[in-house]
């Protein structure tokens, strides 16, 4: 096992732990039966400022971390094929 494989594995494990923690910290977005009966038009004050809320920042952070993880997995697989 090469050093870059170990470093990449550690980074992948850290990314996965960060993604799990970020997803668990987010609030649920389901409105349940109220949305089904009422048509799902439950707007609030925070809908207009959604990009500034903590949940929106956390969602962007989760998305960016997941993208980083996918790119890292692809890069590690390509590098493993080249080294063989």
Protein backbone atom coordinates (compact mmCIF):
# COMPACT_ATOMS: atom_id res chain seq x y z
CA UNK A 1 0.00 0.00 0.00
CA UNK A 2 1.43 3.33 -1.07
CA UNK A 3 1.52 6.45 1.06
CA UNK A 4 -0.94 8.26 -1.24
CA UNK A 5 -3.45 5.41 -0.77
CA UNK A 6 -3.26 5.75 3.01
CA UNK A 7 -3.59 9.54 2.87
CA UNK A 8 -6.49 9.27 0.42
CA UNK A 9 -8.20 6.69 2.61
CA UNK A 10 -7.88 8.88 5.68
CA UNK A 11 -9.30 11.86 3.79
CA UNK A 12 -12.21 9.72 2.55
CA UNK A 13 -12.98 8.58 6.08
CA UNK A 14 -12.88 12.18 7.33
CA UNK A 15 -15.15 13.31 4.47
CA UNK A 16 -17.65 10.58 5.24
CA UNK A 17 -17.72 11.44 8.96
CA UNK A 18 -18.16 15.14 8.14
CA UNK A 19 -21.01 14.37 5.72
CA UNK A 20 -22.81 12.20 8.27
CA UNK A 21 -22.45 14.89 10.96
CA UNK A 22 -23.63 17.65 8.60
CA UNK A 23 -26.67 15.68 7.47
CA UNK A 24 -27.59 14.86 11.06
CA UNK A 25 -27.31 18.54 12.00
CA UNK A 26 -29.74 19.67 9.30
CA UNK A 27 -33.40 20.20 10.06
CA UNK A 28 -35.94 17.95 8.37
CA UNK A 29 -37.75 19.50 5.45
CA UNK A 30 -40.80 17.27 5.37
CA UNK A 31 -44.08 18.84 6.38
CA UNK A 32 -46.01 15.60 6.67
CA UNK A 33 -49.77 15.37 6.40
CA UNK A 34 -50.24 19.13 6.58
CA UNK A 35 -48.52 19.52 3.24
CA UNK A 36 -50.52 16.71 1.63
CA UNK A 37 -53.90 18.08 2.68
CA UNK A 38 -53.15 21.78 2.31
CA UNK A 39 -51.37 21.50 -1.03
CA UNK A 40 -47.87 22.12 0.30
CA UNK A 41 -48.04 25.91 0.11
CA UNK A 42 -46.72 26.58 3.59
CA UNK A 43 -44.52 29.62 3.15
CA UNK A 44 -42.83 31.49 5.94
CA UNK A 45 -40.64 34.50 6.51
CA UNK A 46 -37.52 32.41 6.07
CA UNK A 47 -38.40 31.33 2.52
CA UNK A 48 -37.28 34.69 1.13
CA UNK A 49 -33.95 34.60 2.98
CA UNK A 50 -33.25 30.91 2.54
CA UNK A 51 -29.71 31.45 1.22
CA UNK A 52 -28.71 33.21 4.45
CA UNK A 53 -29.95 30.69 6.98
CA UNK A 54 -27.76 28.28 8.89
CA UNK A 55 -29.51 25.33 7.28
CA UNK A 56 -28.80 26.65 3.78
CA UNK A 57 -25.11 27.10 4.59
CA UNK A 58 -25.01 23.63 6.08
CA UNK A 59 -26.68 22.22 2.98
CA UNK A 60 -24.13 23.88 0.70
CA UNK A 61 -21.29 22.61 2.91
CA UNK A 62 -22.69 19.08 2.75
CA UNK A 63 -23.03 19.26 -1.03
CA UNK A 64 -19.49 20.56 -1.49
CA UNK A 65 -18.05 17.92 0.83
CA UNK A 66 -19.89 15.18 -1.08
CA UNK A 67 -18.57 16.53 -4.38
CA UNK A 68 -15.04 16.55 -2.94
CA UNK A 69 -15.50 12.96 -1.79
CA UNK A 70 -16.71 11.79 -5.23
CA UNK A 71 -13.80 13.53 -6.98
CA UNK A 72 -11.35 12.00 -4.50
CA UNK A 73 -12.77 8.50 -5.04
CA UNK A 74 -12.52 8.86 -8.82
CA UNK A 75 -8.97 10.21 -8.59
CA UNK A 76 -7.87 7.41 -6.29
CA UNK A 77 -9.36 4.77 -8.60
CA UNK A 78 -7.66 6.29 -11.64
CA UNK A 79 -4.35 6.48 -9.79
CA UNK A 80 -4.68 2.87 -8.65
CA UNK A 81 -5.22 1.74 -12.25
CA UNK A 82 -2.20 3.71 -13.47
CA UNK A 83 0.09 2.30 -10.78
CA UNK A 84 -0.82 -1.33 -11.58
